[in-house]
Amino acid sequence: MFDIKNTTRQKIPKIPFQKIAETVLGKKYELSLVFIGDQLSRKLNRQYRQIDKNASILSFPLTKNNGEIFINLNLAKKNSAKFDRAYNNFIAFLFIHGLTHLKGRQHSSKMEREEVAVRKKFNI
């Protein structure tokens, strides 16, 4: 199951989210992708990571085969230029990053290699 929810008034970029998720996590993984604004992003980051600021993306594994990803569209729009990426491309970049965390990866060169392989496959 793959579910997308938009809690903002912004338009969701046209990205093959489900295909990317299946590539990283497999078809049996149940994923909820939620697009949020600054206020909820900060609240979740403070509540679950004890960091009192907005986050571009937050990933929460719930079980081995079930998780949630929250993407802050406002912050992603602001940060896309810092990473020299177009807005839609940056959203996909963040999504892949969140998926690799749900897969159990921590920041490392191995995680980066996995992300690069997925980005190449989807021209991101």
PDB file of N, CA and C in Angstrom:
ATOM      1  N   MET A   1       0.837  -1.184   0.000  1.00  0.00           N
ATOM      2  CA  MET A   1       0.000   0.000   0.000  1.00  0.00           C
ATOM      3  C   MET A   1       0.883   1.249   0.000  1.00  0.00           C
ATOM      4  N   PHE A   2       0.476   2.210  -0.770  1.00  0.00           N
ATOM      5  CA  PHE A   2       1.197   3.482  -0.840  1.00  0.00           C
ATOM      6  C   PHE A   2       0.159   4.592  -0.791  1.00  0.00           C
ATOM      7  N   ASP A   3       0.325   5.500   0.171  1.00  0.00           N
ATOM      8  CA  ASP A   3      -0.656   6.558   0.382  1.00  0.00           C
ATOM      9  C   ASP A   3       0.050   7.910   0.370  1.00  0.00           C
ATOM     10  N   ILE A   4      -0.515   8.871  -0.346  1.00  0.00           N
ATOM     11  CA  ILE A   4       0.018  10.233  -0.372  1.00  0.00           C
ATOM     12  C   ILE A   4      -1.043  11.172   0.183  1.00  0.00           C
ATOM     13  N   LYS A   5      -0.612  12.043   1.095  1.00  0.00           N
ATOM     14  CA  LYS A   5      -1.517  13.045   1.665  1.00  0.00           C
ATOM     15  C   LYS A   5      -0.833  14.401   1.592  1.00  0.00           C
ATOM     16  N   ASN A   6      -1.577  15.406   1.194  1.00  0.00           N
ATOM     17  CA  ASN A   6      -1.055  16.767   1.124  1.00  0.00           C
ATOM     18  C   ASN A   6      -1.813  17.629   2.132  1.00  0.00           C
ATOM     19  N   THR A   7      -1.128  18.090   3.172  1.00  0.00           N
ATOM     20  CA  THR A   7      -1.772  18.924   4.186  1.00  0.00           C
ATOM     21  C   THR A   7      -1.550  20.411   3.900  1.00  0.00           C
ATOM     22  N   THR A   8      -0.940  20.718   2.772  1.00  0.00           N
ATOM     23  CA  THR A   8      -0.658  22.105   2.401  1.00  0.00           C
ATOM     24  C   THR A   8      -1.590  22.532   1.268  1.00  0.00           C
ATOM     25  N   ARG A   9      -1.477  23.784   0.897  1.00  0.00           N
ATOM     26  CA  ARG A   9      -2.229  24.277  -0.258  1.00  0.00           C
ATOM     27  C   ARG A   9      -1.369  24.252  -1.517  1.00  0.00           C
ATOM     28  N   GLN A  10      -0.141  23.801  -1.372  1.00  0.00           N
ATOM     29  CA  GLN A  10       0.784  23.766  -2.503  1.00  0.00           C
ATOM     30  C   GLN A  10       0.527  22.535  -3.368  1.00  0.00           C
ATOM     31  N   LYS A  11       0.911  22.650  -4.614  1.00  0.00           N
ATOM     32  CA  LYS A  11       0.756  21.556  -5.560  1.00  0.00           C
ATOM     33  C   LYS A  11       1.896  20.553  -5.361  1.00  0.00           C
ATOM     34  N   ILE A  12       1.556  19.277  -5.379  1.00  0.00           N
ATOM     35  CA  ILE A  12       2.561  18.222  -5.258  1.00  0.00           C
ATOM     36  C   ILE A  12       3.233  18.027  -6.616  1.00  0.00           C
ATOM     37  N   PRO A  13       4.569  17.997  -6.637  1.00  0.00           N
ATOM     38  CA  PRO A  13       5.267  17.773  -7.910  1.00  0.00           C
ATOM     39  C   PRO A  13       4.915  16.403  -8.512  1.00  0.00           C
ATOM     40  N   LYS A  14       4.922  16.342  -9.839  1.00  0.00           N
ATOM     41  CA  LYS A  14       4.649  15.082 -10.533  1.00  0.00           C
ATOM     42  C   LYS A  14       5.946  14.267 -10.577  1.00  0.00           C
ATOM     43  N   ILE A  15       6.042  13.356  -9.641  1.00  0.00           N
ATOM     44  CA  ILE A  15       7.221  12.500  -9.474  1.00  0.00           C
ATOM     45  C   ILE A  15       6.679  11.085  -9.310  1.00  0.00           C
ATOM     46  N   PRO A  16       7.338  10.085  -9.883  1.00  0.00           N
ATOM     47  CA  PRO A  16       6.850   8.706  -9.732  1.00  0.00           C
ATOM     48  C   PRO A  16       7.153   8.151  -8.335  1.00  0.00           C
ATOM     49  N   PHE A  17       6.525   8.733  -7.330  1.00  0.00           N
ATOM     50  CA  PHE A  17       6.805   8.381  -5.941  1.00  0.00           C
ATOM     51  C   PHE A  17       6.661   6.884  -5.674  1.00  0.00           C
ATOM     52  N   GLN A  18       5.583   6.290  -6.159  1.00  0.00           N
ATOM     53  CA  GLN A  18       5.350   4.876  -5.870  1.00  0.00           C
ATOM     54  C   GLN A  18       6.422   3.999  -6.503  1.00  0.00           C
ATOM     55  N   LYS A  19       6.791   4.268  -7.740  1.00  0.00           N
ATOM     56  CA  LYS A  19       7.827   3.466  -8.411  1.00  0.00           C
ATOM     57  C   LYS A  19       9.168   3.599  -7.706  1.00  0.00           C
ATOM     58  N   ILE A  20       9.481   4.805  -7.273  1.00  0.00           N
ATOM     59  CA  ILE A  20      10.740   5.021  -6.557  1.00  0.00           C
ATOM     60  C   ILE A  20      10.708   4.258  -5.236  1.00  0.00           C
ATOM     61  N   ALA A  21       9.601   4.345  -4.517  1.00  0.00           N
ATOM     62  CA  ALA A  21       9.467   3.649  -3.231  1.00  0.00           C
ATOM     63  C   ALA A  21       9.605   2.140  -3.417  1.00  0.00           C
ATOM     64  N   GLU A  22       8.963   1.597  -4.445  1.00  0.00           N
ATOM     65  CA  GLU A  22       9.055   0.158  -4.696  1.00  0.00           C
ATOM     66  C   GLU A  22      10.476  -0.252  -5.059  1.00  0.00           C
ATOM     67  N   THR A  23      11.202   0.615  -5.750  1.00  0.00           N
ATOM     68  CA  THR A  23      12.588   0.322  -6.102  1.00  0.00           C
ATOM     69  C   THR A  23      13.459   0.228  -4.855  1.00  0.00           C
ATOM     70  N   VAL A  24      13.237   1.115  -3.912  1.00  0.00           N
ATOM     71  CA  VAL A  24      14.070   1.157  -2.701  1.00  0.00           C
ATOM     72  C   VAL A  24      13.603   0.155  -1.653  1.00  0.00           C
ATOM     73  N   LEU A  25      12.304   0.073  -1.424  1.00  0.00           N
ATOM     74  CA  LEU A  25      11.779  -0.709  -0.295  1.00  0.00           C
ATOM     75  C   LEU A  25      11.081  -2.011  -0.681  1.00  0.00           C
ATOM     76  N   GLY A  26      10.789  -2.185  -1.957  1.00  0.00           N
ATOM     77  CA  GLY A  26      10.049  -3.362  -2.393  1.00  0.00           C
ATOM     78  C   GLY A  26       8.557  -3.088  -2.436  1.00  0.00           C
ATOM     79  N   LYS A  27       7.834  -3.990  -3.077  1.00  0.00           N
ATOM     80  CA  LYS A  27       6.394  -3.784  -3.287  1.00  0.00           C
ATOM     81  C   LYS A  27       5.549  -4.067  -2.049  1.00  0.00           C
ATOM     82  N   LYS A  28       6.078  -4.808  -1.094  1.00  0.00           N
ATOM     83  CA  LYS A  28       5.289  -5.178   0.083  1.00  0.00           C
ATOM     84  C   LYS A  28       5.358  -4.138   1.201  1.00  0.00           C
ATOM     85  N   TYR A  29       6.223  -3.150   1.070  1.00  0.00           N
ATOM     86  CA  TYR A  29       6.367  -2.130   2.110  1.00  0.00           C
ATOM     87  C   TYR A  29       5.161  -1.199   2.063  1.00  0.00           C
ATOM     88  N   GLU A  30       4.583  -0.903   3.219  1.00  0.00           N
ATOM     89  CA  GLU A  30       3.456   0.021   3.320  1.00  0.00           C
ATOM     90  C   GLU A  30       3.988   1.394   3.698  1.00  0.00           C
ATOM     91  N   LEU A  31       3.793   2.353   2.808  1.00  0.00           N
ATOM     92  CA  LEU A  31       4.374   3.684   2.994  1.00  0.00           C
ATOM     93  C   LEU A  31       3.309   4.760   2.936  1.00  0.00           C
ATOM     94  N   SER A  32       3.425   5.694   3.858  1.00  0.00           N
ATOM     95  CA  SER A  32       2.589   6.885   3.861  1.00  0.00           C
ATOM     96  C   SER A  32       3.510   8.077   3.623  1.00  0.00           C
ATOM     97  N   LEU A  33       3.230   8.846   2.582  1.00  0.00           N
ATOM     98  CA  LEU A  33       3.996  10.047   2.252  1.00  0.00           C
ATOM     99  C   LEU A  33       3.090  11.245   2.514  1.00  0.00           C
ATOM    100  N   VAL A  34       3.547  12.144   3.394  1.00  0.00           N
ATOM    101  CA  VAL A  34       2.733  13.291   3.781  1.00  0.00           C
ATOM    102  C   VAL A  34       3.498  14.577   3.484  1.00  0.00           C
ATOM    103  N   PHE A  35       2.865  15.483   2.762  1.00  0.00           N
ATOM    104  CA  PHE A  35       3.446  16.786   2.482  1.00  0.00           C
ATOM    105  C   PHE A  35       2.922  17.767   3.520  1.00  0.00           C
ATOM    106  N   ILE A  36       3.852  18.441   4.182  1.00  0.00           N
ATOM    107  CA  ILE A  36       3.509  19.296   5.315  1.00  0.00           C
ATOM    108  C   ILE A  36       4.126  20.677   5.157  1.00  0.00           C
ATOM    109  N   GLY A  37       3.719  21.585   6.038  1.00  0.00           N
ATOM    110  CA  GLY A  37       4.269  22.935   6.073  1.00  0.00           C
ATOM    111  C   GLY A  37       5.230  23.097   7.239  1.00  0.00           C
ATOM    112  N   ASP A  38       5.650  24.321   7.451  1.00  0.00           N
ATOM    113  CA  ASP A  38       6.659  24.622   8.471  1.00  0.00           C
ATOM    114  C   ASP A  38       6.223  24.281   9.893  1.00  0.00           C
ATOM    115  N   GLN A  39       5.000  24.599  10.228  1.00  0.00           N
ATOM    116  CA  GLN A  39       4.536  24.421  11.608  1.00  0.00           C
ATOM    117  C   GLN A  39       4.553  22.946  12.031  1.00  0.00           C
ATOM    118  N   LEU A  40       3.977  22.080  11.225  1.00  0.00           N
ATOM    119  CA  LEU A  40       3.950  20.654  11.561  1.00  0.00           C
ATOM    120  C   LEU A  40       5.351  20.050  11.490  1.00  0.00           C
ATOM    121  N   SER A  41       6.151  20.521  10.545  1.00  0.00           N
ATOM    122  CA  SER A  41       7.527  20.036  10.433  1.00  0.00           C
ATOM    123  C   SER A  41       8.310  20.311  11.710  1.00  0.00           C
ATOM    124  N   ARG A  42       8.178  21.513  12.196  1.00  0.00           N
ATOM    125  CA  ARG A  42       8.884  21.890  13.430  1.00  0.00           C
ATOM    126  C   ARG A  42       8.362  21.089  14.629  1.00  0.00           C
ATOM    127  N   LYS A  43       7.044  20.933  14.697  1.00  0.00           N
ATOM    128  CA  LYS A  43       6.446  20.191  15.806  1.00  0.00           C
ATOM    129  C   LYS A  43       6.934  18.741  15.827  1.00  0.00           C
ATOM    130  N   LEU A  44       6.920  18.081  14.674  1.00  0.00           N
ATOM    131  CA  LEU A  44       7.372  16.685  14.598  1.00  0.00           C
ATOM    132  C   LEU A  44       8.863  16.560  14.912  1.00  0.00           C
ATOM    133  N   ASN A  45       9.647  17.486  14.385  1.00  0.00           N
ATOM    134  CA  ASN A  45      11.090  17.455  14.618  1.00  0.00           C
ATOM    135  C   ASN A  45      11.402  17.655  16.105  1.00  0.00           C
ATOM    136  N   ARG A  46      10.663  18.546  16.724  1.00  0.00           N
ATOM    137  CA  ARG A  46      10.849  18.801  18.164  1.00  0.00           C
ATOM    138  C   ARG A  46      10.399  17.594  18.980  1.00  0.00           C
ATOM    139  N   GLN A  47       9.263  17.030  18.619  1.00  0.00           N
ATOM    140  CA  GLN A  47       8.687  15.924  19.386  1.00  0.00           C
ATOM    141  C   GLN A  47       9.503  14.638  19.274  1.00  0.00           C
ATOM    142  N   TYR A  48       9.974  14.318  18.081  1.00  0.00           N
ATOM    143  CA  TYR A  48      10.620  13.020  17.873  1.00  0.00           C
ATOM    144  C   TYR A  48      12.142  13.063  17.798  1.00  0.00           C
ATOM    145  N   ARG A  49      12.714  14.246  17.534  1.00  0.00           N
ATOM    146  CA  ARG A  49      14.170  14.339  17.421  1.00  0.00           C
ATOM    147  C   ARG A  49      14.765  15.348  18.391  1.00  0.00           C
ATOM    148  N   GLN A  50      13.909  16.018  19.160  1.00  0.00           N
ATOM    149  CA  GLN A  50      14.335  17.024  20.125  1.00  0.00           C
ATOM    150  C   GLN A  50      15.155  18.139  19.452  1.00  0.00           C
ATOM    151  N   ILE A  51      14.778  18.479  18.225  1.00  0.00           N
ATOM    152  CA  ILE A  51      15.404  19.566  17.476  1.00  0.00           C
ATOM    153  C   ILE A  51      14.317  20.600  17.190  1.00  0.00           C
ATOM    154  N   ASP A  52      14.492  21.815  17.703  1.00  0.00           N
ATOM    155  CA  ASP A  52      13.458  22.834  17.620  1.00  0.00           C
ATOM    156  C   ASP A  52      13.616  23.708  16.376  1.00  0.00           C
ATOM    157  N   LYS A  53      13.486  23.072  15.216  1.00  0.00           N
ATOM    158  CA  LYS A  53      13.488  23.801  13.944  1.00  0.00           C
ATOM    159  C   LYS A  53      12.830  22.934  12.880  1.00  0.00           C
ATOM    160  N   ASN A  54      12.503  23.556  11.758  1.00  0.00           N
ATOM    161  CA  ASN A  54      11.907  22.834  10.642  1.00  0.00           C
ATOM    162  C   ASN A  54      12.895  21.826  10.085  1.00  0.00           C
ATOM    163  N   ALA A  55      12.359  20.798   9.472  1.00  0.00           N
ATOM    164  CA  ALA A  55      13.173  19.820   8.744  1.00  0.00           C
ATOM    165  C   ALA A  55      12.605  19.708   7.340  1.00  0.00           C
ATOM    166  N   SER A  56      13.454  19.512   6.366  1.00  0.00           N
ATOM    167  CA  SER A  56      12.986  19.317   4.990  1.00  0.00           C
ATOM    168  C   SER A  56      12.251  17.997   4.866  1.00  0.00           C
ATOM    169  N   ILE A  57      12.789  16.977   5.546  1.00  0.00           N
ATOM    170  CA  ILE A  57      12.210  15.643   5.469  1.00  0.00           C
ATOM    171  C   ILE A  57      12.382  14.929   6.797  1.00  0.00           C
ATOM    172  N   LEU A  58      11.372  14.168   7.154  1.00  0.00           N
ATOM    173  CA  LEU A  58      11.425  13.329   8.349  1.00  0.00           C
ATOM    174  C   LEU A  58      10.934  11.938   7.958  1.00  0.00           C
ATOM    175  N   SER A  59      11.675  10.920   8.359  1.00  0.00           N
ATOM    176  CA  SER A  59      11.312   9.530   8.070  1.00  0.00           C
ATOM    177  C   SER A  59      11.093   8.796   9.378  1.00  0.00           C
ATOM    178  N   PHE A  60      10.003   8.053   9.435  1.00  0.00           N
ATOM    179  CA  PHE A  60       9.682   7.299  10.639  1.00  0.00           C
ATOM    180  C   PHE A  60       9.365   5.853  10.284  1.00  0.00           C
ATOM    181  N   PRO A  61      10.291   4.939  10.558  1.00  0.00           N
ATOM    182  CA  PRO A  61       9.947   3.529  10.377  1.00  0.00           C
ATOM    183  C   PRO A  61       9.017   3.106  11.517  1.00  0.00           C
ATOM    184  N   LEU A  62       7.895   2.514  11.181  1.00  0.00           N
ATOM    185  CA  LEU A  62       6.930   2.092  12.197  1.00  0.00           C
ATOM    186  C   LEU A  62       7.101   0.608  12.529  1.00  0.00           C
ATOM    187  N   THR A  63       7.313  -0.188  11.491  1.00  0.00           N
ATOM    188  CA  THR A  63       7.633  -1.607  11.631  1.00  0.00           C
ATOM    189  C   THR A  63       8.655  -1.924  10.543  1.00  0.00           C
ATOM    190  N   LYS A  64       9.010  -3.189  10.420  1.00  0.00           N
ATOM    191  CA  LYS A  64       9.978  -3.585   9.388  1.00  0.00           C
ATOM    192  C   LYS A  64       9.459  -3.281   7.980  1.00  0.00           C
ATOM    193  N   ASN A  65       8.154  -3.363   7.793  1.00  0.00           N
ATOM    194  CA  ASN A  65       7.568  -3.171   6.464  1.00  0.00           C
ATOM    195  C   ASN A  65       6.540  -2.054   6.396  1.00  0.00           C
ATOM    196  N   ASN A  66       6.693  -1.052   7.277  1.00  0.00           N
ATOM    197  CA  ASN A  66       5.714   0.028   7.312  1.00  0.00           C
ATOM    198  C   ASN A  66       6.400   1.287   7.838  1.00  0.00           C
ATOM    199  N   GLY A  67       6.190   2.408   7.142  1.00  0.00           N
ATOM    200  CA  GLY A  67       6.789   3.653   7.596  1.00  0.00           C
ATOM    201  C   GLY A  67       6.103   4.870   7.019  1.00  0.00           C
ATOM    202  N   GLU A  68       6.565   6.033   7.506  1.00  0.00           N
ATOM    203  CA  GLU A  68       6.010   7.319   7.068  1.00  0.00           C
ATOM    204  C   GLU A  68       7.147   8.263   6.703  1.00  0.00           C
ATOM    205  N   ILE A  69       6.898   9.060   5.702  1.00  0.00           N
ATOM    206  CA  ILE A  69       7.819  10.134   5.313  1.00  0.00           C
ATOM    207  C   ILE A  69       7.018  11.421   5.269  1.00  0.00           C
ATOM    208  N   PHE A  70       7.579  12.471   5.883  1.00  0.00           N
ATOM    209  CA  PHE A  70       6.983  13.799   5.873  1.00  0.00           C
ATOM    210  C   PHE A  70       7.945  14.732   5.146  1.00  0.00           C
ATOM    211  N   ILE A  71       7.461  15.406   4.111  1.00  0.00           N
ATOM    212  CA  ILE A  71       8.282  16.363   3.367  1.00  0.00           C
ATOM    213  C   ILE A  71       7.683  17.746   3.530  1.00  0.00           C
ATOM    214  N   ASN A  72       8.524  18.685   3.969  1.00  0.00           N
ATOM    215  CA  ASN A  72       8.126  20.077   4.154  1.00  0.00           C
ATOM    216  C   ASN A  72       8.323  20.803   2.822  1.00  0.00           C
ATOM    217  N   LEU A  73       7.230  21.087   2.141  1.00  0.00           N
ATOM    218  CA  LEU A  73       7.313  21.717   0.823  1.00  0.00           C
ATOM    219  C   LEU A  73       7.897  23.127   0.883  1.00  0.00           C
ATOM    220  N   ASN A  74       7.573  23.885   1.927  1.00  0.00           N
ATOM    221  CA  ASN A  74       8.104  25.251   2.053  1.00  0.00           C
ATOM    222  C   ASN A  74       9.625  25.240   2.164  1.00  0.00           C
ATOM    223  N   LEU A  75      10.142  24.414   3.058  1.00  0.00           N
ATOM    224  CA  LEU A  75      11.578  24.362   3.270  1.00  0.00           C
ATOM    225  C   LEU A  75      12.288  23.751   2.068  1.00  0.00           C
ATOM    226  N   ALA A  76      11.664  22.781   1.439  1.00  0.00           N
ATOM    227  CA  ALA A  76      12.261  22.188   0.245  1.00  0.00           C
ATOM    228  C   ALA A  76      12.406  23.232  -0.859  1.00  0.00           C
ATOM    229  N   LYS A  77      11.396  24.076  -0.988  1.00  0.00           N
ATOM    230  CA  LYS A  77      11.460  25.129  -2.011  1.00  0.00           C
ATOM    231  C   LYS A  77      12.617  26.085  -1.718  1.00  0.00           C
ATOM    232  N   LYS A  78      12.781  26.448  -0.436  1.00  0.00           N
ATOM    233  CA  LYS A  78      13.872  27.341  -0.043  1.00  0.00           C
ATOM    234  C   LYS A  78      15.239  26.694  -0.224  1.00  0.00           C
ATOM    235  N   ASN A  79      15.341  25.407   0.107  1.00  0.00           N
ATOM    236  CA  ASN A  79      16.638  24.729   0.092  1.00  0.00           C
ATOM    237  C   ASN A  79      17.067  24.178  -1.262  1.00  0.00           C
ATOM    238  N   SER A  80      16.161  24.076  -2.202  1.00  0.00           N
ATOM    239  CA  SER A  80      16.512  23.486  -3.495  1.00  0.00           C
ATOM    240  C   SER A  80      17.655  24.252  -4.172  1.00  0.00           C
ATOM    241  N   ALA A  81      17.660  25.560  -4.074  1.00  0.00           N
ATOM    242  CA  ALA A  81      18.730  26.360  -4.694  1.00  0.00           C
ATOM    243  C   ALA A  81      20.070  26.118  -4.011  1.00  0.00           C
ATOM    244  N   LYS A  82      20.057  25.917  -2.702  1.00  0.00           N
ATOM    245  CA  LYS A  82      21.301  25.649  -1.973  1.00  0.00           C
ATOM    246  C   LYS A  82      21.968  24.369  -2.453  1.00  0.00           C
ATOM    247  N   PHE A  83      21.161  23.432  -2.914  1.00  0.00           N
ATOM    248  CA  PHE A  83      21.680  22.160  -3.408  1.00  0.00           C
ATOM    249  C   PHE A  83      21.792  22.153  -4.932  1.00  0.00           C
ATOM    250  N   ASP A  84      21.596  23.326  -5.537  1.00  0.00           N
ATOM    251  CA  ASP A  84      21.701  23.494  -6.984  1.00  0.00           C
ATOM    252  C   ASP A  84      20.795  22.500  -7.734  1.00  0.00           C
ATOM    253  N   ARG A  85      19.571  22.392  -7.267  1.00  0.00           N
ATOM    254  CA  ARG A  85      18.603  21.491  -7.884  1.00  0.00           C
ATOM    255  C   ARG A  85      17.294  22.239  -8.118  1.00  0.00           C
ATOM    256  N   ALA A  86      16.604  21.846  -9.163  1.00  0.00           N
ATOM    257  CA  ALA A  86      15.266  22.375  -9.403  1.00  0.00           C
ATOM    258  C   ALA A  86      14.350  21.855  -8.299  1.00  0.00           C
ATOM    259  N   TYR A  87      13.282  22.577  -8.022  1.00  0.00           N
ATOM    260  CA  TYR A  87      12.369  22.225  -6.933  1.00  0.00           C
ATOM    261  C   TYR A  87      11.872  20.777  -7.033  1.00  0.00           C
ATOM    262  N   ASN A  88      11.314  20.388  -8.187  1.00  0.00           N
ATOM    263  CA  ASN A  88      10.797  19.021  -8.341  1.00  0.00           C
ATOM    264  C   ASN A  88      11.900  17.986  -8.133  1.00  0.00           C
ATOM    265  N   ASN A  89      13.075  18.270  -8.682  1.00  0.00           N
ATOM    266  CA  ASN A  89      14.207  17.369  -8.541  1.00  0.00           C
ATOM    267  C   ASN A  89      14.603  17.232  -7.076  1.00  0.00           C
ATOM    268  N   PHE A  90      14.567  18.336  -6.349  1.00  0.00           N
ATOM    269  CA  PHE A  90      14.959  18.305  -4.940  1.00  0.00           C
ATOM    270  C   PHE A  90      13.953  17.512  -4.098  1.00  0.00           C
ATOM    271  N   ILE A  91      12.675  17.622  -4.429  1.00  0.00           N
ATOM    272  CA  ILE A  91      11.661  16.833  -3.720  1.00  0.00           C
ATOM    273  C   ILE A  91      11.952  15.341  -3.924  1.00  0.00           C
ATOM    274  N   ALA A  92      12.247  14.946  -5.144  1.00  0.00           N
ATOM    275  CA  ALA A  92      12.572  13.546  -5.425  1.00  0.00           C
ATOM    276  C   ALA A  92      13.851  13.135  -4.702  1.00  0.00           C
ATOM    277  N   PHE A  93      14.840  14.011  -4.687  1.00  0.00           N
ATOM    278  CA  PHE A  93      16.105  13.790  -3.979  1.00  0.00           C
ATOM    279  C   PHE A  93      15.836  13.533  -2.489  1.00  0.00           C
ATOM    280  N   LEU A  94      15.019  14.374  -1.877  1.00  0.00           N
ATOM    281  CA  LEU A  94      14.661  14.203  -0.463  1.00  0.00           C
ATOM    282  C   LEU A  94      13.915  12.897  -0.233  1.00  0.00           C
ATOM    283  N   PHE A  95      12.990  12.594  -1.121  1.00  0.00           N
ATOM    284  CA  PHE A  95      12.189  11.379  -0.987  1.00  0.00           C
ATOM    285  C   PHE A  95      13.091  10.140  -0.986  1.00  0.00           C
ATOM    286  N   ILE A  96      14.025  10.095  -1.909  1.00  0.00           N
ATOM    287  CA  ILE A  96      14.962   8.964  -1.978  1.00  0.00           C
ATOM    288  C   ILE A  96      15.781   8.888  -0.694  1.00  0.00           C
ATOM    289  N   HIS A  97      16.201  10.014  -0.197  1.00  0.00           N
ATOM    290  CA  HIS A  97      16.969  10.044   1.054  1.00  0.00           C
ATOM    291  C   HIS A  97      16.137   9.470   2.207  1.00  0.00           C
ATOM    292  N   GLY A  98      14.890   9.894   2.289  1.00  0.00           N
ATOM    293  CA  GLY A  98      14.011   9.379   3.334  1.00  0.00           C
ATOM    294  C   GLY A  98      13.766   7.883   3.198  1.00  0.00           C
ATOM    295  N   LEU A  99      13.621   7.408   1.972  1.00  0.00           N
ATOM    296  CA  LEU A  99      13.408   5.979   1.746  1.00  0.00           C
ATOM    297  C   LEU A  99      14.600   5.157   2.213  1.00  0.00           C
ATOM    298  N   THR A 100      15.799   5.646   1.954  1.00  0.00           N
ATOM    299  CA  THR A 100      16.981   4.878   2.371  1.00  0.00           C
ATOM    300  C   THR A 100      17.082   4.828   3.896  1.00  0.00           C
ATOM    301  N   HIS A 101      16.622   5.876   4.569  1.00  0.00           N
ATOM    302  CA  HIS A 101      16.561   5.818   6.037  1.00  0.00           C
ATOM    303  C   HIS A 101      15.539   4.773   6.486  1.00  0.00           C
ATOM    304  N   LEU A 102      14.390   4.704   5.814  1.00  0.00           N
ATOM    305  CA  LEU A 102      13.394   3.703   6.172  1.00  0.00           C
ATOM    306  C   LEU A 102      13.932   2.292   5.937  1.00  0.00           C
ATOM    307  N   LYS A 103      14.831   2.171   4.996  1.00  0.00           N
ATOM    308  CA  LYS A 103      15.462   0.876   4.709  1.00  0.00           C
ATOM    309  C   LYS A 103      16.448   0.488   5.819  1.00  0.00           C
ATOM    310  N   GLY A 104      16.714   1.431   6.716  1.00  0.00           N
ATOM    311  CA  GLY A 104      17.592   1.145   7.840  1.00  0.00           C
ATOM    312  C   GLY A 104      18.987   1.706   7.706  1.00  0.00           C
ATOM    313  N   ARG A 105      19.226   2.467   6.662  1.00  0.00           N
ATOM    314  CA  ARG A 105      20.560   3.021   6.441  1.00  0.00           C
ATOM    315  C   ARG A 105      20.778   4.282   7.264  1.00  0.00           C
ATOM    316  N   GLN A 106      22.014   4.450   7.714  1.00  0.00           N
ATOM    317  CA  GLN A 106      22.457   5.663   8.406  1.00  0.00           C
ATOM    318  C   GLN A 106      23.375   6.417   7.451  1.00  0.00           C
ATOM    319  N   HIS A 107      23.572   7.705   7.674  1.00  0.00           N
ATOM    320  CA  HIS A 107      24.439   8.502   6.809  1.00  0.00           C
ATOM    321  C   HIS A 107      25.807   7.851   6.715  1.00  0.00           C
ATOM    322  N   SER A 108      26.198   7.537   5.489  1.00  0.00           N
ATOM    323  CA  SER A 108      27.486   6.894   5.231  1.00  0.00           C
ATOM    324  C   SER A 108      27.743   6.900   3.735  1.00  0.00           C
ATOM    325  N   SER A 109      28.925   6.494   3.351  1.00  0.00           N
ATOM    326  CA  SER A 109      29.233   6.410   1.921  1.00  0.00           C
ATOM    327  C   SER A 109      28.396   5.308   1.269  1.00  0.00           C
ATOM    328  N   LYS A 110      28.076   4.239   1.998  1.00  0.00           N
ATOM    329  CA  LYS A 110      27.222   3.176   1.462  1.00  0.00           C
ATOM    330  C   LYS A 110      25.828   3.721   1.165  1.00  0.00           C
ATOM    331  N   MET A 111      25.287   4.502   2.089  1.00  0.00           N
ATOM    332  CA  MET A 111      23.965   5.096   1.888  1.00  0.00           C
ATOM    333  C   MET A 111      23.997   6.017   0.670  1.00  0.00           C
ATOM    334  N   GLU A 112      25.034   6.824   0.567  1.00  0.00           N
ATOM    335  CA  GLU A 112      25.166   7.741  -0.571  1.00  0.00           C
ATOM    336  C   GLU A 112      25.215   6.973  -1.890  1.00  0.00           C
ATOM    337  N   ARG A 113      25.960   5.881  -1.941  1.00  0.00           N
ATOM    338  CA  ARG A 113      26.040   5.077  -3.169  1.00  0.00           C
ATOM    339  C   ARG A 113      24.674   4.514  -3.552  1.00  0.00           C
ATOM    340  N   GLU A 114      23.939   4.044  -2.559  1.00  0.00           N
ATOM    341  CA  GLU A 114      22.590   3.521  -2.831  1.00  0.00           C
ATOM    342  C   GLU A 114      21.675   4.615  -3.369  1.00  0.00           C
ATOM    343  N   GLU A 115      21.753   5.790  -2.777  1.00  0.00           N
ATOM    344  CA  GLU A 115      20.918   6.909  -3.232  1.00  0.00           C
ATOM    345  C   GLU A 115      21.285   7.316  -4.656  1.00  0.00           C
ATOM    346  N   VAL A 116      22.577   7.379  -4.938  1.00  0.00           N
ATOM    347  CA  VAL A 116      23.036   7.753  -6.283  1.00  0.00           C
ATOM    348  C   VAL A 116      22.505   6.764  -7.316  1.00  0.00           C
ATOM    349  N   ALA A 117      22.537   5.476  -7.003  1.00  0.00           N
ATOM    350  CA  ALA A 117      22.047   4.457  -7.938  1.00  0.00           C
ATOM    351  C   ALA A 117      20.565   4.662  -8.241  1.00  0.00           C
ATOM    352  N   VAL A 118      19.769   4.964  -7.227  1.00  0.00           N
ATOM    353  CA  VAL A 118      18.329   5.195  -7.433  1.00  0.00           C
ATOM    354  C   VAL A 118      18.114   6.499  -8.206  1.00  0.00           C
ATOM    355  N   ARG A 119      18.867   7.524  -7.855  1.00  0.00           N
ATOM    356  CA  ARG A 119      18.723   8.804  -8.582  1.00  0.00           C
ATOM    357  C   ARG A 119      19.059   8.612 -10.065  1.00  0.00           C
ATOM    358  N   LYS A 120      20.091   7.861 -10.357  1.00  0.00           N
ATOM    359  CA  LYS A 120      20.449   7.606 -11.774  1.00  0.00           C
ATOM    360  C   LYS A 120      19.330   6.867 -12.495  1.00  0.00           C
ATOM    361  N   LYS A 121      18.770   5.882 -11.822  1.00  0.00           N
ATOM    362  CA  LYS A 121      17.695   5.086 -12.449  1.00  0.00           C
ATOM    363  C   LYS A 121      16.503   5.961 -12.832  1.00  0.00           C
ATOM    364  N   PHE A 122      16.222   6.977 -12.027  1.00  0.00           N
ATOM    365  CA  PHE A 122      15.062   7.847 -12.270  1.00  0.00           C
ATOM    366  C   PHE A 122      15.456   9.227 -12.802  1.00  0.00           C
ATOM    367  N   ASN A 123      16.698   9.391 -13.227  1.00  0.00           N
ATOM    368  CA  ASN A 123      17.209  10.660 -13.775  1.00  0.00           C
ATOM    369  C   ASN A 123      16.969  11.837 -12.837  1.00  0.00           C
ATOM    370  N   ILE A 124      17.362  11.648 -11.586  1.00  0.00           N
ATOM    371  CA  ILE A 124      17.185  12.683 -10.570  1.00  0.00           C
ATOM    372  C   ILE A 124      18.554  13.219 -10.181  1.00  0.00           C
TER     373      ILE A 124
END
